[in-house]
Amino acid sequence: MTVITDDEMKSRLTRARFYTLVLLKKTPKRDEEGADAIVWEHGRRNMMLQAEGLMPLVFPVGDGADLSGVGVFLGTPEEVKVLMDTDPGVTAGVFTYELHVCRGFPGAQLPE
């Protein structure tokens, strides 16, 4: 493993910033007829939010758990709440969500 010195840690921590983490959870309506079409539009909206730089990280979860996805937003919890409250899956009652403030490091990215 790469050795990280205390000075490197301190330097990196000064660049950390706050993000809003969204935990998307399915409701019983997710299993109802027509829900797949709503989820499709929810996915389209996620791609638009990502393309606009508002949600740089989005992770659909498809392992059958109640957790349906995780997203990292650049906005404040108040700004993200407005976005989530107008999400097609949330407005249809297919999903609920939780917001959490988290810290991360700008420039962090997933490998190709």
N, C-alpha and C. Protein backbone atom coordinates (compact mmCIF):
# COMPACT_ATOMS: atom_id res chain seq x y z
N MET A 1 0.83 -1.19 0.00
CA MET A 1 0.00 0.00 0.00
C MET A 1 0.87 1.25 0.00
N THR A 2 0.35 2.28 -0.59
CA THR A 2 1.04 3.55 -0.62
C THR A 2 1.06 4.17 0.77
N VAL A 3 2.20 4.70 1.15
CA VAL A 3 2.33 5.35 2.45
C VAL A 3 1.87 6.81 2.30
N ILE A 4 1.00 7.23 3.20
CA ILE A 4 0.52 8.61 3.22
C ILE A 4 1.02 9.24 4.51
N THR A 5 1.78 10.30 4.37
CA THR A 5 2.35 10.96 5.55
C THR A 5 1.30 11.86 6.22
N ASP A 6 1.59 12.27 7.43
CA ASP A 6 0.70 13.20 8.13
C ASP A 6 0.56 14.50 7.36
N ASP A 7 1.65 15.00 6.78
CA ASP A 7 1.59 16.24 6.01
C ASP A 7 0.71 16.08 4.77
N GLU A 8 0.79 14.94 4.11
CA GLU A 8 -0.08 14.70 2.96
C GLU A 8 -1.55 14.64 3.38
N MET A 9 -1.81 13.99 4.50
CA MET A 9 -3.18 13.92 5.01
C MET A 9 -3.71 15.32 5.32
N LYS A 10 -2.91 16.13 6.03
CA LYS A 10 -3.34 17.48 6.39
C LYS A 10 -3.61 18.31 5.14
N SER A 11 -2.75 18.20 4.15
CA SER A 11 -2.92 18.94 2.92
C SER A 11 -4.20 18.53 2.20
N ARG A 12 -4.42 17.25 2.13
CA ARG A 12 -5.61 16.74 1.44
C ARG A 12 -6.88 17.13 2.18
N LEU A 13 -6.86 17.07 3.49
CA LEU A 13 -8.04 17.42 4.28
C LEU A 13 -8.44 18.88 4.10
N THR A 14 -7.47 19.75 3.82
CA THR A 14 -7.81 21.16 3.59
C THR A 14 -8.60 21.35 2.30
N ARG A 15 -8.52 20.38 1.39
CA ARG A 15 -9.24 20.47 0.11
C ARG A 15 -10.60 19.77 0.15
N ALA A 16 -10.90 19.11 1.25
CA ALA A 16 -12.19 18.41 1.35
C ALA A 16 -13.32 19.45 1.30
N ARG A 17 -14.44 19.03 0.72
CA ARG A 17 -15.61 19.90 0.68
C ARG A 17 -16.85 19.09 1.03
N PHE A 18 -17.92 19.80 1.29
CA PHE A 18 -19.16 19.15 1.67
C PHE A 18 -20.01 18.84 0.44
N TYR A 19 -20.65 17.71 0.48
CA TYR A 19 -21.57 17.25 -0.55
C TYR A 19 -22.84 16.77 0.14
N THR A 20 -23.86 16.52 -0.65
CA THR A 20 -25.08 15.93 -0.11
C THR A 20 -25.24 14.54 -0.69
N LEU A 21 -25.33 13.58 0.19
CA LEU A 21 -25.50 12.18 -0.18
C LEU A 21 -26.99 11.84 -0.12
N VAL A 22 -27.48 11.20 -1.18
CA VAL A 22 -28.88 10.77 -1.22
C VAL A 22 -28.92 9.25 -1.17
N LEU A 23 -29.72 8.73 -0.25
CA LEU A 23 -30.01 7.30 -0.19
C LEU A 23 -31.44 7.13 -0.68
N LEU A 24 -31.60 6.49 -1.82
CA LEU A 24 -32.91 6.30 -2.43
C LEU A 24 -33.44 4.93 -2.02
N LYS A 25 -34.66 4.90 -1.52
CA LYS A 25 -35.24 3.64 -1.04
C LYS A 25 -36.54 3.36 -1.77
N LYS A 26 -36.76 2.08 -2.08
CA LYS A 26 -37.99 1.72 -2.76
C LYS A 26 -39.14 1.63 -1.76
N THR A 27 -40.35 1.80 -2.28
CA THR A 27 -41.57 1.63 -1.48
C THR A 27 -42.32 0.43 -2.05
N PRO A 28 -43.39 0.00 -1.43
CA PRO A 28 -44.18 -1.09 -2.00
C PRO A 28 -44.71 -0.79 -3.41
N LYS A 29 -44.84 0.50 -3.75
CA LYS A 29 -45.31 0.86 -5.10
C LYS A 29 -44.31 0.47 -6.18
N ARG A 30 -43.06 0.20 -5.80
CA ARG A 30 -42.05 -0.19 -6.79
C ARG A 30 -42.43 -1.48 -7.48
N ASP A 31 -43.18 -2.32 -6.81
CA ASP A 31 -43.57 -3.62 -7.37
C ASP A 31 -44.91 -3.58 -8.10
N GLU A 32 -45.54 -2.40 -8.19
CA GLU A 32 -46.83 -2.29 -8.86
C GLU A 32 -46.67 -2.16 -10.37
N GLU A 33 -47.73 -2.51 -11.08
CA GLU A 33 -47.74 -2.37 -12.53
C GLU A 33 -47.52 -0.90 -12.90
N GLY A 34 -46.70 -0.67 -13.90
CA GLY A 34 -46.40 0.68 -14.36
C GLY A 34 -45.19 1.31 -13.70
N ALA A 35 -44.68 0.70 -12.65
CA ALA A 35 -43.55 1.29 -11.93
C ALA A 35 -42.28 1.32 -12.78
N ASP A 36 -42.10 0.33 -13.65
CA ASP A 36 -40.88 0.30 -14.48
C ASP A 36 -40.78 1.53 -15.37
N ALA A 37 -41.90 2.00 -15.89
CA ALA A 37 -41.89 3.19 -16.75
C ALA A 37 -41.51 4.43 -15.93
N ILE A 38 -41.97 4.49 -14.70
CA ILE A 38 -41.61 5.61 -13.83
C ILE A 38 -40.13 5.57 -13.49
N VAL A 39 -39.62 4.38 -13.21
CA VAL A 39 -38.20 4.23 -12.89
C VAL A 39 -37.34 4.60 -14.11
N TRP A 40 -37.82 4.28 -15.30
CA TRP A 40 -37.10 4.66 -16.54
C TRP A 40 -36.94 6.18 -16.61
N GLU A 41 -38.02 6.90 -16.32
CA GLU A 41 -37.96 8.37 -16.37
C GLU A 41 -37.11 8.93 -15.23
N HIS A 42 -37.15 8.27 -14.09
CA HIS A 42 -36.26 8.63 -12.97
C HIS A 42 -34.80 8.50 -13.42
N GLY A 43 -34.49 7.40 -14.12
CA GLY A 43 -33.13 7.20 -14.62
C GLY A 43 -32.73 8.25 -15.64
N ARG A 44 -33.66 8.62 -16.51
CA ARG A 44 -33.38 9.68 -17.50
C ARG A 44 -33.05 10.99 -16.78
N ARG A 45 -33.84 11.29 -15.75
CA ARG A 45 -33.60 12.52 -14.99
C ARG A 45 -32.24 12.47 -14.30
N ASN A 46 -31.88 11.32 -13.74
CA ASN A 46 -30.55 11.18 -13.13
C ASN A 46 -29.45 11.46 -14.14
N MET A 47 -29.62 10.95 -15.36
CA MET A 47 -28.61 11.20 -16.40
C MET A 47 -28.54 12.69 -16.74
N MET A 48 -29.68 13.37 -16.73
CA MET A 48 -29.68 14.82 -16.98
C MET A 48 -28.99 15.56 -15.85
N LEU A 49 -29.27 15.17 -14.59
CA LEU A 49 -28.62 15.81 -13.45
C LEU A 49 -27.11 15.59 -13.49
N GLN A 50 -26.71 14.41 -13.91
CA GLN A 50 -25.28 14.11 -14.03
C GLN A 50 -24.66 14.94 -15.16
N ALA A 51 -25.34 15.02 -16.30
CA ALA A 51 -24.83 15.79 -17.43
C ALA A 51 -24.69 17.27 -17.09
N GLU A 52 -25.57 17.77 -16.23
CA GLU A 52 -25.52 19.18 -15.82
C GLU A 52 -24.54 19.41 -14.67
N GLY A 53 -23.91 18.35 -14.17
CA GLY A 53 -22.92 18.49 -13.12
C GLY A 53 -23.49 18.64 -11.73
N LEU A 54 -24.80 18.41 -11.58
CA LEU A 54 -25.42 18.55 -10.26
C LEU A 54 -25.26 17.29 -9.41
N MET A 55 -25.19 16.15 -10.07
CA MET A 55 -25.03 14.87 -9.36
C MET A 55 -23.93 14.09 -10.08
N PRO A 56 -22.67 14.36 -9.73
CA PRO A 56 -21.57 13.72 -10.47
C PRO A 56 -21.47 12.21 -10.26
N LEU A 57 -22.00 11.71 -9.15
CA LEU A 57 -21.93 10.28 -8.90
C LEU A 57 -23.33 9.74 -8.65
N VAL A 58 -23.69 8.69 -9.37
CA VAL A 58 -24.97 8.03 -9.17
C VAL A 58 -24.74 6.52 -9.24
N PHE A 59 -25.28 5.82 -8.27
CA PHE A 59 -25.08 4.38 -8.17
C PHE A 59 -26.41 3.67 -7.99
N PRO A 60 -27.01 3.17 -9.06
CA PRO A 60 -28.20 2.35 -8.88
C PRO A 60 -27.83 1.07 -8.13
N VAL A 61 -28.71 0.65 -7.23
CA VAL A 61 -28.49 -0.57 -6.47
C VAL A 61 -29.55 -1.57 -6.90
N GLY A 62 -29.13 -2.71 -7.41
CA GLY A 62 -30.08 -3.67 -7.94
C GLY A 62 -29.95 -5.05 -7.32
N ASP A 63 -29.64 -5.09 -6.04
CA ASP A 63 -29.44 -6.39 -5.41
C ASP A 63 -30.67 -6.88 -4.64
N GLY A 64 -31.81 -6.22 -4.86
CA GLY A 64 -33.03 -6.65 -4.20
C GLY A 64 -33.25 -6.04 -2.82
N ALA A 65 -32.31 -5.25 -2.36
CA ALA A 65 -32.45 -4.60 -1.06
C ALA A 65 -33.45 -3.45 -1.15
N ASP A 66 -33.85 -2.92 -0.01
CA ASP A 66 -34.72 -1.74 0.00
C ASP A 66 -34.01 -0.51 -0.54
N LEU A 67 -32.68 -0.50 -0.46
CA LEU A 67 -31.90 0.60 -1.00
C LEU A 67 -31.87 0.47 -2.52
N SER A 68 -32.37 1.49 -3.21
CA SER A 68 -32.44 1.45 -4.67
C SER A 68 -31.32 2.21 -5.34
N GLY A 69 -30.69 3.13 -4.62
CA GLY A 69 -29.61 3.88 -5.24
C GLY A 69 -28.96 4.84 -4.26
N VAL A 70 -27.79 5.32 -4.69
CA VAL A 70 -27.02 6.30 -3.94
C VAL A 70 -26.57 7.36 -4.93
N GLY A 71 -26.71 8.61 -4.53
CA GLY A 71 -26.25 9.70 -5.38
C GLY A 71 -25.48 10.71 -4.55
N VAL A 72 -24.50 11.34 -5.17
CA VAL A 72 -23.74 12.40 -4.53
C VAL A 72 -24.00 13.68 -5.31
N PHE A 73 -24.54 14.67 -4.61
CA PHE A 73 -24.90 15.96 -5.22
C PHE A 73 -23.94 17.05 -4.76
N LEU A 74 -23.78 18.06 -5.60
CA LEU A 74 -22.93 19.19 -5.26
C LEU A 74 -23.67 20.23 -4.42
N GLY A 75 -25.00 20.21 -4.40
CA GLY A 75 -25.78 21.23 -3.70
C GLY A 75 -25.89 20.98 -2.21
N THR A 76 -26.49 21.96 -1.55
CA THR A 76 -26.79 21.85 -0.13
C THR A 76 -27.97 20.90 0.06
N PRO A 77 -28.17 20.41 1.26
CA PRO A 77 -29.34 19.55 1.49
C PRO A 77 -30.66 20.23 1.09
N GLU A 78 -30.76 21.52 1.32
CA GLU A 78 -31.98 22.24 0.96
C GLU A 78 -32.17 22.26 -0.56
N GLU A 79 -31.09 22.48 -1.31
CA GLU A 79 -31.17 22.48 -2.77
C GLU A 79 -31.48 21.09 -3.31
N VAL A 80 -30.86 20.09 -2.72
CA VAL A 80 -31.06 18.72 -3.17
C VAL A 80 -32.48 18.25 -2.84
N LYS A 81 -33.03 18.69 -1.73
CA LYS A 81 -34.41 18.34 -1.38
C LYS A 81 -35.37 18.82 -2.46
N VAL A 82 -35.17 20.02 -2.96
CA VAL A 82 -36.02 20.55 -4.04
C VAL A 82 -35.91 19.66 -5.27
N LEU A 83 -34.69 19.25 -5.62
CA LEU A 83 -34.50 18.36 -6.78
C LEU A 83 -35.16 17.01 -6.55
N MET A 84 -34.97 16.46 -5.38
CA MET A 84 -35.51 15.13 -5.11
C MET A 84 -37.03 15.14 -5.00
N ASP A 85 -37.59 16.21 -4.48
CA ASP A 85 -39.05 16.28 -4.34
C ASP A 85 -39.76 16.37 -5.69
N THR A 86 -39.01 16.68 -6.74
CA THR A 86 -39.59 16.73 -8.09
C THR A 86 -39.14 15.55 -8.95
N ASP A 87 -38.46 14.59 -8.36
CA ASP A 87 -38.04 13.39 -9.07
C ASP A 87 -39.29 12.57 -9.44
N PRO A 88 -39.37 12.05 -10.66
CA PRO A 88 -40.56 11.27 -11.05
C PRO A 88 -40.86 10.08 -10.15
N GLY A 89 -39.84 9.39 -9.69
CA GLY A 89 -40.05 8.24 -8.83
C GLY A 89 -40.53 8.63 -7.44
N VAL A 90 -40.06 9.77 -6.95
CA VAL A 90 -40.47 10.26 -5.63
C VAL A 90 -41.90 10.79 -5.71
N THR A 91 -42.20 11.58 -6.74
CA THR A 91 -43.55 12.14 -6.84
C THR A 91 -44.60 11.05 -7.06
N ALA A 92 -44.21 9.94 -7.69
CA ALA A 92 -45.14 8.83 -7.90
C ALA A 92 -45.23 7.91 -6.69
N GLY A 93 -44.39 8.15 -5.69
CA GLY A 93 -44.42 7.31 -4.50
C GLY A 93 -43.70 5.99 -4.65
N VAL A 94 -42.92 5.83 -5.72
CA VAL A 94 -42.16 4.60 -5.95
C VAL A 94 -40.90 4.59 -5.07
N PHE A 95 -40.38 5.77 -4.79
CA PHE A 95 -39.17 5.92 -3.98
C PHE A 95 -39.40 6.92 -2.85
N THR A 96 -38.67 6.73 -1.77
CA THR A 96 -38.46 7.74 -0.75
C THR A 96 -36.95 7.96 -0.69
N TYR A 97 -36.53 8.95 0.07
CA TYR A 97 -35.10 9.21 0.14
C TYR A 97 -34.71 9.79 1.48
N GLU A 98 -33.42 9.68 1.76
CA GLU A 98 -32.79 10.32 2.92
C GLU A 98 -31.66 11.19 2.39
N LEU A 99 -31.43 12.32 3.03
CA LEU A 99 -30.31 13.20 2.70
C LEU A 99 -29.31 13.18 3.85
N HIS A 100 -28.03 13.17 3.50
CA HIS A 100 -26.97 13.20 4.50
C HIS A 100 -25.86 14.10 3.99
N VAL A 101 -25.35 14.94 4.87
CA VAL A 101 -24.19 15.76 4.53
C VAL A 101 -22.96 14.88 4.69
N CYS A 102 -22.08 14.94 3.70
CA CYS A 102 -20.84 14.17 3.77
C CYS A 102 -19.70 15.02 3.25
N ARG A 103 -18.50 14.57 3.48
CA ARG A 103 -17.32 15.26 2.96
C ARG A 103 -16.64 14.36 1.94
N GLY A 104 -16.06 14.99 0.96
CA GLY A 104 -15.31 14.26 -0.05
C GLY A 104 -14.19 15.13 -0.58
N PHE A 105 -13.47 14.57 -1.51
CA PHE A 105 -12.30 15.26 -2.03
C PHE A 105 -12.51 15.56 -3.51
N PRO A 106 -12.50 16.85 -3.88
CA PRO A 106 -12.64 17.20 -5.29
C PRO A 106 -11.59 16.47 -6.13
N GLY A 107 -12.03 16.02 -7.28
CA GLY A 107 -11.14 15.31 -8.18
C GLY A 107 -11.20 13.81 -8.00
N ALA A 108 -11.82 13.35 -6.92
CA ALA A 108 -11.98 11.90 -6.75
C ALA A 108 -12.87 11.39 -7.87
N GLN A 109 -12.54 10.25 -8.42
CA GLN A 109 -13.34 9.74 -9.52
C GLN A 109 -13.26 8.23 -9.59
N LEU A 110 -14.22 7.67 -10.26
CA LEU A 110 -14.22 6.23 -10.46
C LEU A 110 -13.30 5.88 -11.64
N PRO A 111 -12.60 4.79 -11.56
CA PRO A 111 -11.76 4.41 -12.70
C PRO A 111 -12.63 3.96 -13.87
N GLU A 112 -12.14 4.12 -15.06
CA GLU A 112 -12.86 3.70 -16.27
C GLU A 112 -13.02 2.19 -16.29
